[in-house]
Amino acid sequence: MNSNRIKFFAIAIITLPLFVLLMINTNTTRTYARVDDDAATVYKTKCQACHSPKAEKFFDPAKPQEEQVTAILKGKKSEKPPYMPAFEEKGITADQAKALVDYMKTLKTPSN
């Protein structure tokens, strides 16, 4: 009976921290997923460095949305660097790319 209690406590001591770690890690992943869905946050973290805070560089809002989405997903080489990297391989989806294009258009409006 005594050895069974020792085994039980040994298993509990080993598995409890793993369970807690799993719960913490799961919640962190969910938080990051929600942040990535926000076009403004994605723009600030992945796009703003090249395109500027007001999307003034290398962005033409008059181009068709599909062309812009393709450039975000597949990348685009211009005559000289910097080249537009492919963000599809970095986890950006077509819906997120469309949201980014829409967000960038709001940055280019005269009221901003």
PDB file of N, CA and C in Angstrom:
ATOM      1  N   MET A   1       0.829  -1.190   0.000  1.00  0.00           N
ATOM      2  CA  MET A   1       0.000   0.000   0.000  1.00  0.00           C
ATOM      3  C   MET A   1       0.872   1.252   0.000  1.00  0.00           C
ATOM      4  N   ASN A   2       1.918   1.242   0.779  1.00  0.00           N
ATOM      5  CA  ASN A   2       2.802   2.383   0.886  1.00  0.00           C
ATOM      6  C   ASN A   2       3.529   2.645  -0.431  1.00  0.00           C
ATOM      7  N   SER A   3       3.938   1.591  -1.135  1.00  0.00           N
ATOM      8  CA  SER A   3       4.633   1.769  -2.416  1.00  0.00           C
ATOM      9  C   SER A   3       3.678   2.302  -3.484  1.00  0.00           C
ATOM     10  N   ASN A   4       2.410   1.966  -3.382  1.00  0.00           N
ATOM     11  CA  ASN A   4       1.429   2.507  -4.332  1.00  0.00           C
ATOM     12  C   ASN A   4       1.266   4.012  -4.156  1.00  0.00           C
ATOM     13  N   ARG A   5       1.265   4.472  -2.933  1.00  0.00           N
ATOM     14  CA  ARG A   5       1.175   5.914  -2.665  1.00  0.00           C
ATOM     15  C   ARG A   5       2.405   6.634  -3.202  1.00  0.00           C
ATOM     16  N   ILE A   6       3.550   6.047  -3.014  1.00  0.00           N
ATOM     17  CA  ILE A   6       4.788   6.661  -3.513  1.00  0.00           C
ATOM     18  C   ILE A   6       4.738   6.766  -5.036  1.00  0.00           C
ATOM     19  N   LYS A   7       4.298   5.692  -5.707  1.00  0.00           N
ATOM     20  CA  LYS A   7       4.170   5.718  -7.163  1.00  0.00           C
ATOM     21  C   LYS A   7       3.173   6.797  -7.605  1.00  0.00           C
ATOM     22  N   PHE A   8       2.048   6.885  -6.915  1.00  0.00           N
ATOM     23  CA  PHE A   8       1.026   7.876  -7.253  1.00  0.00           C
ATOM     24  C   PHE A   8       1.587   9.298  -7.144  1.00  0.00           C
ATOM     25  N   PHE A   9       2.254   9.589  -6.034  1.00  0.00           N
ATOM     26  CA  PHE A   9       2.826  10.926  -5.843  1.00  0.00           C
ATOM     27  C   PHE A   9       3.948  11.212  -6.838  1.00  0.00           C
ATOM     28  N   ALA A  10       4.718  10.220  -7.174  1.00  0.00           N
ATOM     29  CA  ALA A  10       5.795  10.406  -8.154  1.00  0.00           C
ATOM     30  C   ALA A  10       5.208  10.746  -9.519  1.00  0.00           C
ATOM     31  N   ILE A  11       4.168  10.044  -9.912  1.00  0.00           N
ATOM     32  CA  ILE A  11       3.508  10.329 -11.193  1.00  0.00           C
ATOM     33  C   ILE A  11       2.865  11.706 -11.165  1.00  0.00           C
ATOM     34  N   ALA A  12       2.231  12.046 -10.046  1.00  0.00           N
ATOM     35  CA  ALA A  12       1.592  13.358  -9.920  1.00  0.00           C
ATOM     36  C   ALA A  12       2.618  14.478  -9.989  1.00  0.00           C
ATOM     37  N   ILE A  13       3.731  14.301  -9.355  1.00  0.00           N
ATOM     38  CA  ILE A  13       4.775  15.328  -9.357  1.00  0.00           C
ATOM     39  C   ILE A  13       5.338  15.531 -10.760  1.00  0.00           C
ATOM     40  N   ILE A  14       5.436  14.475 -11.528  1.00  0.00           N
ATOM     41  CA  ILE A  14       5.971  14.571 -12.890  1.00  0.00           C
ATOM     42  C   ILE A  14       4.925  15.128 -13.862  1.00  0.00           C
ATOM     43  N   THR A  15       3.694  14.662 -13.780  1.00  0.00           N
ATOM     44  CA  THR A  15       2.684  15.038 -14.775  1.00  0.00           C
ATOM     45  C   THR A  15       2.035  16.391 -14.517  1.00  0.00           C
ATOM     46  N   LEU A  16       1.919  16.799 -13.279  1.00  0.00           N
ATOM     47  CA  LEU A  16       1.267  18.071 -12.975  1.00  0.00           C
ATOM     48  C   LEU A  16       1.976  19.255 -13.633  1.00  0.00           C
ATOM     49  N   PRO A  17       3.297  19.400 -13.509  1.00  0.00           N
ATOM     50  CA  PRO A  17       3.962  20.523 -14.188  1.00  0.00           C
ATOM     51  C   PRO A  17       3.814  20.462 -15.711  1.00  0.00           C
ATOM     52  N   LEU A  18       3.828  19.264 -16.282  1.00  0.00           N
ATOM     53  CA  LEU A  18       3.636  19.136 -17.734  1.00  0.00           C
ATOM     54  C   LEU A  18       2.240  19.592 -18.139  1.00  0.00           C
ATOM     55  N   PHE A  19       1.253  19.240 -17.349  1.00  0.00           N
ATOM     56  CA  PHE A  19      -0.120  19.657 -17.620  1.00  0.00           C
ATOM     57  C   PHE A  19      -0.252  21.178 -17.536  1.00  0.00           C
ATOM     58  N   VAL A  20       0.334  21.777 -16.515  1.00  0.00           N
ATOM     59  CA  VAL A  20       0.289  23.233 -16.350  1.00  0.00           C
ATOM     60  C   VAL A  20       0.990  23.910 -17.526  1.00  0.00           C
ATOM     61  N   LEU A  21       2.142  23.413 -17.914  1.00  0.00           N
ATOM     62  CA  LEU A  21       2.875  23.965 -19.047  1.00  0.00           C
ATOM     63  C   LEU A  21       2.057  23.875 -20.330  1.00  0.00           C
ATOM     64  N   LEU A  22       1.389  22.775 -20.546  1.00  0.00           N
ATOM     65  CA  LEU A  22       0.531  22.610 -21.720  1.00  0.00           C
ATOM     66  C   LEU A  22      -0.602  23.628 -21.713  1.00  0.00           C
ATOM     67  N   MET A  23      -1.209  23.867 -20.581  1.00  0.00           N
ATOM     68  CA  MET A  23      -2.307  24.829 -20.485  1.00  0.00           C
ATOM     69  C   MET A  23      -1.815  26.248 -20.760  1.00  0.00           C
ATOM     70  N   ILE A  24      -0.673  26.616 -20.243  1.00  0.00           N
ATOM     71  CA  ILE A  24      -0.117  27.944 -20.465  1.00  0.00           C
ATOM     72  C   ILE A  24       0.236  28.125 -21.931  1.00  0.00           C
ATOM     73  N   ASN A  25       0.861  27.142 -22.526  1.00  0.00           N
ATOM     74  CA  ASN A  25       1.270  27.207 -23.925  1.00  0.00           C
ATOM     75  C   ASN A  25       0.057  27.299 -24.847  1.00  0.00           C
ATOM     76  N   THR A  26      -1.022  26.605 -24.557  1.00  0.00           N
ATOM     77  CA  THR A  26      -2.233  26.653 -25.368  1.00  0.00           C
ATOM     78  C   THR A  26      -2.834  28.054 -25.356  1.00  0.00           C
ATOM     79  N   ASN A  27      -2.912  28.684 -24.197  1.00  0.00           N
ATOM     80  CA  ASN A  27      -3.479  30.023 -24.107  1.00  0.00           C
ATOM     81  C   ASN A  27      -2.630  31.037 -24.853  1.00  0.00           C
ATOM     82  N   THR A  28      -1.328  30.931 -24.796  1.00  0.00           N
ATOM     83  CA  THR A  28      -0.435  31.847 -25.500  1.00  0.00           C
ATOM     84  C   THR A  28      -0.650  31.739 -27.004  1.00  0.00           C
ATOM     85  N   THR A  29      -0.789  30.537 -27.510  1.00  0.00           N
ATOM     86  CA  THR A  29      -1.007  30.325 -28.938  1.00  0.00           C
ATOM     87  C   THR A  29      -2.309  30.981 -29.379  1.00  0.00           C
ATOM     88  N   ARG A  30      -3.337  30.853 -28.610  1.00  0.00           N
ATOM     89  CA  ARG A  30      -4.607  31.474 -28.966  1.00  0.00           C
ATOM     90  C   ARG A  30      -4.493  32.993 -29.014  1.00  0.00           C
ATOM     91  N   THR A  31      -3.758  33.576 -28.098  1.00  0.00           N
ATOM     92  CA  THR A  31      -3.586  35.027 -28.088  1.00  0.00           C
ATOM     93  C   THR A  31      -2.877  35.494 -29.343  1.00  0.00           C
ATOM     94  N   TYR A  32      -1.810  34.823 -29.740  1.00  0.00           N
ATOM     95  CA  TYR A  32      -1.083  35.210 -30.940  1.00  0.00           C
ATOM     96  C   TYR A  32      -1.950  35.053 -32.188  1.00  0.00           C
ATOM     97  N   ALA A  33      -2.767  34.026 -32.251  1.00  0.00           N
ATOM     98  CA  ALA A  33      -3.612  33.824 -33.422  1.00  0.00           C
ATOM     99  C   ALA A  33      -4.578  34.995 -33.594  1.00  0.00           C
ATOM    100  N   ARG A  34      -5.146  35.493 -32.490  1.00  0.00           N
ATOM    101  CA  ARG A  34      -6.065  36.621 -32.581  1.00  0.00           C
ATOM    102  C   ARG A  34      -5.344  37.889 -33.029  1.00  0.00           C
ATOM    103  N   VAL A  35      -4.132  38.111 -32.548  1.00  0.00           N
ATOM    104  CA  VAL A  35      -3.386  39.306 -32.928  1.00  0.00           C
ATOM    105  C   VAL A  35      -3.067  39.278 -34.414  1.00  0.00           C
ATOM    106  N   ASP A  36      -2.688  38.116 -34.962  1.00  0.00           N
ATOM    107  CA  ASP A  36      -2.356  38.012 -36.378  1.00  0.00           C
ATOM    108  C   ASP A  36      -3.554  38.265 -37.273  1.00  0.00           C
ATOM    109  N   ASP A  37      -4.760  38.091 -36.779  1.00  0.00           N
ATOM    110  CA  ASP A  37      -5.942  38.336 -37.586  1.00  0.00           C
ATOM    111  C   ASP A  37      -6.224  39.827 -37.756  1.00  0.00           C
ATOM    112  N   ASP A  38      -5.628  40.668 -36.967  1.00  0.00           N
ATOM    113  CA  ASP A  38      -5.853  42.103 -37.018  1.00  0.00           C
ATOM    114  C   ASP A  38      -4.935  42.728 -38.071  1.00  0.00           C
ATOM    115  N   ALA A  39      -5.516  43.275 -39.145  1.00  0.00           N
ATOM    116  CA  ALA A  39      -4.736  43.819 -40.263  1.00  0.00           C
ATOM    117  C   ALA A  39      -3.797  44.933 -39.820  1.00  0.00           C
ATOM    118  N   ALA A  40      -4.235  45.781 -38.901  1.00  0.00           N
ATOM    119  CA  ALA A  40      -3.381  46.882 -38.445  1.00  0.00           C
ATOM    120  C   ALA A  40      -2.136  46.351 -37.738  1.00  0.00           C
ATOM    121  N   THR A  41      -2.292  45.335 -36.925  1.00  0.00           N
ATOM    122  CA  THR A  41      -1.157  44.746 -36.220  1.00  0.00           C
ATOM    123  C   THR A  41      -0.212  44.054 -37.190  1.00  0.00           C
ATOM    124  N   VAL A  42      -0.771  43.304 -38.136  1.00  0.00           N
ATOM    125  CA  VAL A  42       0.057  42.632 -39.133  1.00  0.00           C
ATOM    126  C   VAL A  42       0.822  43.668 -39.943  1.00  0.00           C
ATOM    127  N   TYR A  43       0.142  44.745 -40.345  1.00  0.00           N
ATOM    128  CA  TYR A  43       0.811  45.787 -41.126  1.00  0.00           C
ATOM    129  C   TYR A  43       1.976  46.385 -40.332  1.00  0.00           C
ATOM    130  N   LYS A  44       1.725  46.707 -39.080  1.00  0.00           N
ATOM    131  CA  LYS A  44       2.767  47.341 -38.269  1.00  0.00           C
ATOM    132  C   LYS A  44       3.957  46.415 -38.038  1.00  0.00           C
ATOM    133  N   THR A  45       3.716  45.127 -37.918  1.00  0.00           N
ATOM    134  CA  THR A  45       4.808  44.196 -37.625  1.00  0.00           C
ATOM    135  C   THR A  45       5.508  43.663 -38.862  1.00  0.00           C
ATOM    136  N   LYS A  46       4.806  43.557 -39.981  1.00  0.00           N
ATOM    137  CA  LYS A  46       5.394  42.915 -41.153  1.00  0.00           C
ATOM    138  C   LYS A  46       5.571  43.835 -42.359  1.00  0.00           C
ATOM    139  N   CYS A  47       4.853  44.934 -42.439  1.00  0.00           N
ATOM    140  CA  CYS A  47       4.819  45.734 -43.668  1.00  0.00           C
ATOM    141  C   CYS A  47       5.361  47.155 -43.514  1.00  0.00           C
ATOM    142  N   GLN A  48       5.128  47.736 -42.374  1.00  0.00           N
ATOM    143  CA  GLN A  48       5.412  49.149 -42.168  1.00  0.00           C
ATOM    144  C   GLN A  48       6.878  49.515 -42.403  1.00  0.00           C
ATOM    145  N   ALA A  49       7.799  48.642 -42.106  1.00  0.00           N
ATOM    146  CA  ALA A  49       9.216  48.952 -42.263  1.00  0.00           C
ATOM    147  C   ALA A  49       9.558  49.332 -43.700  1.00  0.00           C
ATOM    148  N   CYS A  50       8.950  48.677 -44.667  1.00  0.00           N
ATOM    149  CA  CYS A  50       9.229  48.981 -46.082  1.00  0.00           C
ATOM    150  C   CYS A  50       8.232  49.978 -46.681  1.00  0.00           C
ATOM    151  N   HIS A  51       6.970  49.885 -46.264  1.00  0.00           N
ATOM    152  CA  HIS A  51       5.922  50.699 -46.891  1.00  0.00           C
ATOM    153  C   HIS A  51       5.674  52.030 -46.179  1.00  0.00           C
ATOM    154  N   SER A  52       6.238  52.248 -45.026  1.00  0.00           N
ATOM    155  CA  SER A  52       6.100  53.443 -44.185  1.00  0.00           C
ATOM    156  C   SER A  52       4.802  53.395 -43.383  1.00  0.00           C
ATOM    157  N   PRO A  53       4.714  54.173 -42.312  1.00  0.00           N
ATOM    158  CA  PRO A  53       3.501  54.141 -41.476  1.00  0.00           C
ATOM    159  C   PRO A  53       2.215  54.507 -42.225  1.00  0.00           C
ATOM    160  N   LYS A  54       2.307  55.311 -43.271  1.00  0.00           N
ATOM    161  CA  LYS A  54       1.114  55.726 -44.023  1.00  0.00           C
ATOM    162  C   LYS A  54       1.020  55.039 -45.390  1.00  0.00           C
ATOM    163  N   ALA A  55       1.726  53.936 -45.595  1.00  0.00           N
ATOM    164  CA  ALA A  55       1.717  53.178 -46.853  1.00  0.00           C
ATOM    165  C   ALA A  55       2.082  54.065 -48.045  1.00  0.00           C
ATOM    166  N   GLU A  56       3.077  54.914 -47.844  1.00  0.00           N
ATOM    167  CA  GLU A  56       3.464  55.878 -48.877  1.00  0.00           C
ATOM    168  C   GLU A  56       4.476  55.305 -49.869  1.00  0.00           C
ATOM    169  N   LYS A  57       5.123  54.225 -49.522  1.00  0.00           N
ATOM    170  CA  LYS A  57       6.169  53.662 -50.382  1.00  0.00           C
ATOM    171  C   LYS A  57       5.734  52.333 -50.983  1.00  0.00           C
ATOM    172  N   PHE A  58       6.003  52.164 -52.261  1.00  0.00           N
ATOM    173  CA  PHE A  58       5.815  50.884 -52.956  1.00  0.00           C
ATOM    174  C   PHE A  58       4.378  50.362 -52.899  1.00  0.00           C
ATOM    175  N   PHE A  59       3.405  51.237 -52.792  1.00  0.00           N
ATOM    176  CA  PHE A  59       1.998  50.811 -52.744  1.00  0.00           C
ATOM    177  C   PHE A  59       1.169  51.746 -53.595  1.00  0.00           C
ATOM    178  N   ASP A  60       0.449  51.160 -54.550  1.00  0.00           N
ATOM    179  CA  ASP A  60      -0.429  51.922 -55.429  1.00  0.00           C
ATOM    180  C   ASP A  60      -1.857  51.447 -55.200  1.00  0.00           C
ATOM    181  N   PRO A  61      -2.673  52.233 -54.499  1.00  0.00           N
ATOM    182  CA  PRO A  61      -4.043  51.791 -54.199  1.00  0.00           C
ATOM    183  C   PRO A  61      -4.915  51.655 -55.440  1.00  0.00           C
ATOM    184  N   ALA A  62      -4.479  52.204 -56.572  1.00  0.00           N
ATOM    185  CA  ALA A  62      -5.265  52.111 -57.806  1.00  0.00           C
ATOM    186  C   ALA A  62      -5.134  50.737 -58.472  1.00  0.00           C
ATOM    187  N   LYS A  63      -4.130  49.966 -58.109  1.00  0.00           N
ATOM    188  CA  LYS A  63      -3.960  48.630 -58.705  1.00  0.00           C
ATOM    189  C   LYS A  63      -5.081  47.722 -58.227  1.00  0.00           C
ATOM    190  N   PRO A  64      -5.478  46.757 -59.067  1.00  0.00           N
ATOM    191  CA  PRO A  64      -6.552  45.829 -58.667  1.00  0.00           C
ATOM    192  C   PRO A  64      -6.185  45.055 -57.394  1.00  0.00           C
ATOM    193  N   GLN A  65      -7.187  44.821 -56.579  1.00  0.00           N
ATOM    194  CA  GLN A  65      -6.968  44.128 -55.310  1.00  0.00           C
ATOM    195  C   GLN A  65      -6.321  42.763 -55.528  1.00  0.00           C
ATOM    196  N   GLU A  66      -6.766  42.043 -56.545  1.00  0.00           N
ATOM    197  CA  GLU A  66      -6.222  40.704 -56.785  1.00  0.00           C
ATOM    198  C   GLU A  66      -4.717  40.751 -57.065  1.00  0.00           C
ATOM    199  N   GLU A  67      -4.272  41.758 -57.793  1.00  0.00           N
ATOM    200  CA  GLU A  67      -2.844  41.922 -58.079  1.00  0.00           C
ATOM    201  C   GLU A  67      -2.070  42.197 -56.782  1.00  0.00           C
ATOM    202  N   GLN A  68      -2.648  43.008 -55.923  1.00  0.00           N
ATOM    203  CA  GLN A  68      -1.992  43.328 -54.651  1.00  0.00           C
ATOM    204  C   GLN A  68      -1.954  42.119 -53.720  1.00  0.00           C
ATOM    205  N   VAL A  69      -3.036  41.362 -53.687  1.00  0.00           N
ATOM    206  CA  VAL A  69      -3.090  40.159 -52.852  1.00  0.00           C
ATOM    207  C   VAL A  69      -2.042  39.148 -53.336  1.00  0.00           C
ATOM    208  N   THR A  70      -1.942  38.990 -54.649  1.00  0.00           N
ATOM    209  CA  THR A  70      -0.941  38.075 -55.207  1.00  0.00           C
ATOM    210  C   THR A  70       0.469  38.526 -54.831  1.00  0.00           C
ATOM    211  N   ALA A  71       0.724  39.822 -54.879  1.00  0.00           N
ATOM    212  CA  ALA A  71       2.044  40.340 -54.504  1.00  0.00           C
ATOM    213  C   ALA A  71       2.349  40.045 -53.036  1.00  0.00           C
ATOM    214  N   ILE A  72       1.353  40.168 -52.176  1.00  0.00           N
ATOM    215  CA  ILE A  72       1.553  39.881 -50.751  1.00  0.00           C
ATOM    216  C   ILE A  72       1.837  38.395 -50.553  1.00  0.00           C
ATOM    217  N   LEU A  73       1.054  37.557 -51.196  1.00  0.00           N
ATOM    218  CA  LEU A  73       1.181  36.118 -50.994  1.00  0.00           C
ATOM    219  C   LEU A  73       2.414  35.525 -51.675  1.00  0.00           C
ATOM    220  N   LYS A  74       2.662  35.909 -52.918  1.00  0.00           N
ATOM    221  CA  LYS A  74       3.724  35.288 -53.721  1.00  0.00           C
ATOM    222  C   LYS A  74       5.011  36.101 -53.777  1.00  0.00           C
ATOM    223  N   GLY A  75       4.949  37.367 -53.370  1.00  0.00           N
ATOM    224  CA  GLY A  75       6.114  38.236 -53.464  1.00  0.00           C
ATOM    225  C   GLY A  75       6.180  38.875 -54.847  1.00  0.00           C
ATOM    226  N   LYS A  76       7.085  39.839 -54.986  1.00  0.00           N
ATOM    227  CA  LYS A  76       7.209  40.524 -56.276  1.00  0.00           C
ATOM    228  C   LYS A  76       8.603  41.126 -56.377  1.00  0.00           C
ATOM    229  N   LYS A  77       9.243  40.869 -57.518  1.00  0.00           N
ATOM    230  CA  LYS A  77      10.558  41.471 -57.766  1.00  0.00           C
ATOM    231  C   LYS A  77      10.363  42.720 -58.607  1.00  0.00           C
ATOM    232  N   SER A  78      10.958  43.796 -58.163  1.00  0.00           N
ATOM    233  CA  SER A  78      10.913  45.036 -58.935  1.00  0.00           C
ATOM    234  C   SER A  78      12.260  45.211 -59.623  1.00  0.00           C
ATOM    235  N   GLU A  79      12.450  46.364 -60.251  1.00  0.00           N
ATOM    236  CA  GLU A  79      13.697  46.604 -60.964  1.00  0.00           C
ATOM    237  C   GLU A  79      14.900  46.604 -60.030  1.00  0.00           C
ATOM    238  N   LYS A  80      14.713  47.109 -58.825  1.00  0.00           N
ATOM    239  CA  LYS A  80      15.807  47.140 -57.854  1.00  0.00           C
ATOM    240  C   LYS A  80      15.248  46.881 -56.460  1.00  0.00           C
ATOM    241  N   PRO A  81      16.091  46.465 -55.526  1.00  0.00           N
ATOM    242  CA  PRO A  81      15.613  46.195 -54.157  1.00  0.00           C
ATOM    243  C   PRO A  81      15.073  47.459 -53.502  1.00  0.00           C
ATOM    244  N   PRO A  82      14.249  47.344 -52.514  1.00  0.00           N
ATOM    245  CA  PRO A  82      13.857  46.105 -51.838  1.00  0.00           C
ATOM    246  C   PRO A  82      12.776  45.363 -52.620  1.00  0.00           C
ATOM    247  N   TYR A  83      12.850  44.050 -52.582  1.00  0.00           N
ATOM    248  CA  TYR A  83      11.856  43.213 -53.241  1.00  0.00           C
ATOM    249  C   TYR A  83      10.770  42.834 -52.232  1.00  0.00           C
ATOM    250  N   MET A  84       9.569  42.687 -52.751  1.00  0.00           N
ATOM    251  CA  MET A  84       8.447  42.275 -51.904  1.00  0.00           C
ATOM    252  C   MET A  84       8.591  40.783 -51.609  1.00  0.00           C
ATOM    253  N   PRO A  85       8.745  40.413 -50.320  1.00  0.00           N
ATOM    254  CA  PRO A  85       8.863  38.983 -49.997  1.00  0.00           C
ATOM    255  C   PRO A  85       7.508  38.279 -50.092  1.00  0.00           C
ATOM    256  N   ALA A  86       7.546  36.975 -50.238  1.00  0.00           N
ATOM    257  CA  ALA A  86       6.331  36.161 -50.271  1.00  0.00           C
ATOM    258  C   ALA A  86       5.893  35.878 -48.837  1.00  0.00           C
ATOM    259  N   PHE A  87       4.706  36.348 -48.488  1.00  0.00           N
ATOM    260  CA  PHE A  87       4.232  36.164 -47.113  1.00  0.00           C
ATOM    261  C   PHE A  87       3.336  34.951 -46.947  1.00  0.00           C
ATOM    262  N   GLU A  88       2.937  34.321 -48.035  1.00  0.00           N
ATOM    263  CA  GLU A  88       2.130  33.112 -47.911  1.00  0.00           C
ATOM    264  C   GLU A  88       2.926  32.028 -47.185  1.00  0.00           C
ATOM    265  N   GLU A  89       4.196  31.910 -47.522  1.00  0.00           N
ATOM    266  CA  GLU A  89       5.037  30.903 -46.867  1.00  0.00           C
ATOM    267  C   GLU A  89       5.348  31.271 -45.418  1.00  0.00           C
ATOM    268  N   LYS A  90       5.018  32.495 -45.029  1.00  0.00           N
ATOM    269  CA  LYS A  90       5.220  32.937 -43.644  1.00  0.00           C
ATOM    270  C   LYS A  90       3.918  32.902 -42.855  1.00  0.00           C
ATOM    271  N   GLY A  91       2.852  32.339 -43.469  1.00  0.00           N
ATOM    272  CA  GLY A  91       1.609  32.133 -42.740  1.00  0.00           C
ATOM    273  C   GLY A  91       0.483  33.101 -43.040  1.00  0.00           C
ATOM    274  N   ILE A  92       0.689  34.060 -43.926  1.00  0.00           N
ATOM    275  CA  ILE A  92      -0.393  34.993 -44.287  1.00  0.00           C
ATOM    276  C   ILE A  92      -1.355  34.288 -45.243  1.00  0.00           C
ATOM    277  N   THR A  93      -2.643  34.370 -44.955  1.00  0.00           N
ATOM    278  CA  THR A  93      -3.662  33.756 -45.806  1.00  0.00           C
ATOM    279  C   THR A  93      -4.191  34.776 -46.815  1.00  0.00           C
ATOM    280  N   ALA A  94      -4.966  34.296 -47.790  1.00  0.00           N
ATOM    281  CA  ALA A  94      -5.560  35.192 -48.788  1.00  0.00           C
ATOM    282  C   ALA A  94      -6.507  36.193 -48.123  1.00  0.00           C
ATOM    283  N   ASP A  95      -7.264  35.748 -47.143  1.00  0.00           N
ATOM    284  CA  ASP A  95      -8.176  36.666 -46.439  1.00  0.00           C
ATOM    285  C   ASP A  95      -7.406  37.738 -45.674  1.00  0.00           C
ATOM    286  N   GLN A  96      -6.310  37.351 -45.040  1.00  0.00           N
ATOM    287  CA  GLN A  96      -5.484  38.326 -44.335  1.00  0.00           C
ATOM    288  C   GLN A  96      -4.848  39.308 -45.323  1.00  0.00           C
ATOM    289  N   ALA A  97      -4.437  38.805 -46.484  1.00  0.00           N
ATOM    290  CA  ALA A  97      -3.846  39.680 -47.500  1.00  0.00           C
ATOM    291  C   ALA A  97      -4.877  40.696 -47.998  1.00  0.00           C
ATOM    292  N   LYS A  98      -6.104  40.267 -48.204  1.00  0.00           N
ATOM    293  CA  LYS A  98      -7.170  41.200 -48.617  1.00  0.00           C
ATOM    294  C   LYS A  98      -7.406  42.251 -47.531  1.00  0.00           C
ATOM    295  N   ALA A  99      -7.412  41.813 -46.292  1.00  0.00           N
ATOM    296  CA  ALA A  99      -7.598  42.761 -45.185  1.00  0.00           C
ATOM    297  C   ALA A  99      -6.441  43.755 -45.125  1.00  0.00           C
ATOM    298  N   LEU A 100      -5.231  43.290 -45.406  1.00  0.00           N
ATOM    299  CA  LEU A 100      -4.074  44.186 -45.428  1.00  0.00           C
ATOM    300  C   LEU A 100      -4.206  45.230 -46.529  1.00  0.00           C
ATOM    301  N   VAL A 101      -4.636  44.807 -47.718  1.00  0.00           N
ATOM    302  CA  VAL A 101      -4.822  45.752 -48.827  1.00  0.00           C
ATOM    303  C   VAL A 101      -5.869  46.794 -48.448  1.00  0.00           C
ATOM    304  N   ASP A 102      -6.980  46.349 -47.886  1.00  0.00           N
ATOM    305  CA  ASP A 102      -8.030  47.286 -47.466  1.00  0.00           C
ATOM    306  C   ASP A 102      -7.503  48.249 -46.402  1.00  0.00           C
ATOM    307  N   TYR A 103      -6.738  47.723 -45.462  1.00  0.00           N
ATOM    308  CA  TYR A 103      -6.175  48.567 -44.409  1.00  0.00           C
ATOM    309  C   TYR A 103      -5.199  49.584 -44.994  1.00  0.00           C
ATOM    310  N   MET A 104      -4.354  49.142 -45.906  1.00  0.00           N
ATOM    311  CA  MET A 104      -3.374  50.055 -46.512  1.00  0.00           C
ATOM    312  C   MET A 104      -4.073  51.169 -47.286  1.00  0.00           C
ATOM    313  N   LYS A 105      -5.188  50.857 -47.906  1.00  0.00           N
ATOM    314  CA  LYS A 105      -5.954  51.886 -48.624  1.00  0.00           C
ATOM    315  C   LYS A 105      -6.475  52.947 -47.654  1.00  0.00           C
ATOM    316  N   THR A 106      -6.834  52.544 -46.442  1.00  0.00           N
ATOM    317  CA  THR A 106      -7.309  53.539 -45.469  1.00  0.00           C
ATOM    318  C   THR A 106      -6.176  54.462 -45.030  1.00  0.00           C
ATOM    319  N   LEU A 107      -4.962  53.950 -45.048  1.00  0.00           N
ATOM    320  CA  LEU A 107      -3.807  54.780 -44.666  1.00  0.00           C
ATOM    321  C   LEU A 107      -3.508  55.845 -45.727  1.00  0.00           C
ATOM    322  N   LYS A 108      -3.894  55.582 -46.956  1.00  0.00           N
ATOM    323  CA  LYS A 108      -3.601  56.494 -48.064  1.00  0.00           C
ATOM    324  C   LYS A 108      -4.687  57.558 -48.270  1.00  0.00           C
ATOM    325  N   THR A 109      -5.761  57.497 -47.486  1.00  0.00           N
ATOM    326  CA  THR A 109      -6.840  58.468 -47.672  1.00  0.00           C
ATOM    327  C   THR A 109      -6.391  59.857 -47.240  1.00  0.00           C
ATOM    328  N   PRO A 110      -6.887  60.928 -47.868  1.00  0.00           N
ATOM    329  CA  PRO A 110      -6.474  62.285 -47.537  1.00  0.00           C
ATOM    330  C   PRO A 110      -6.726  62.692 -46.090  1.00  0.00           C
ATOM    331  N   SER A 111      -7.717  62.080 -45.429  1.00  0.00           N
ATOM    332  CA  SER A 111      -8.025  62.461 -44.057  1.00  0.00           C
ATOM    333  C   SER A 111      -6.965  62.006 -43.075  1.00  0.00           C
ATOM    334  N   ASN A 112      -6.107  61.051 -43.472  1.00  0.00           N
ATOM    335  CA  ASN A 112      -5.065  60.553 -42.560  1.00  0.00           C
ATOM    336  C   ASN A 112      -3.823  61.320 -42.692  1.00  0.00           C
TER     337      ASN A 112
END
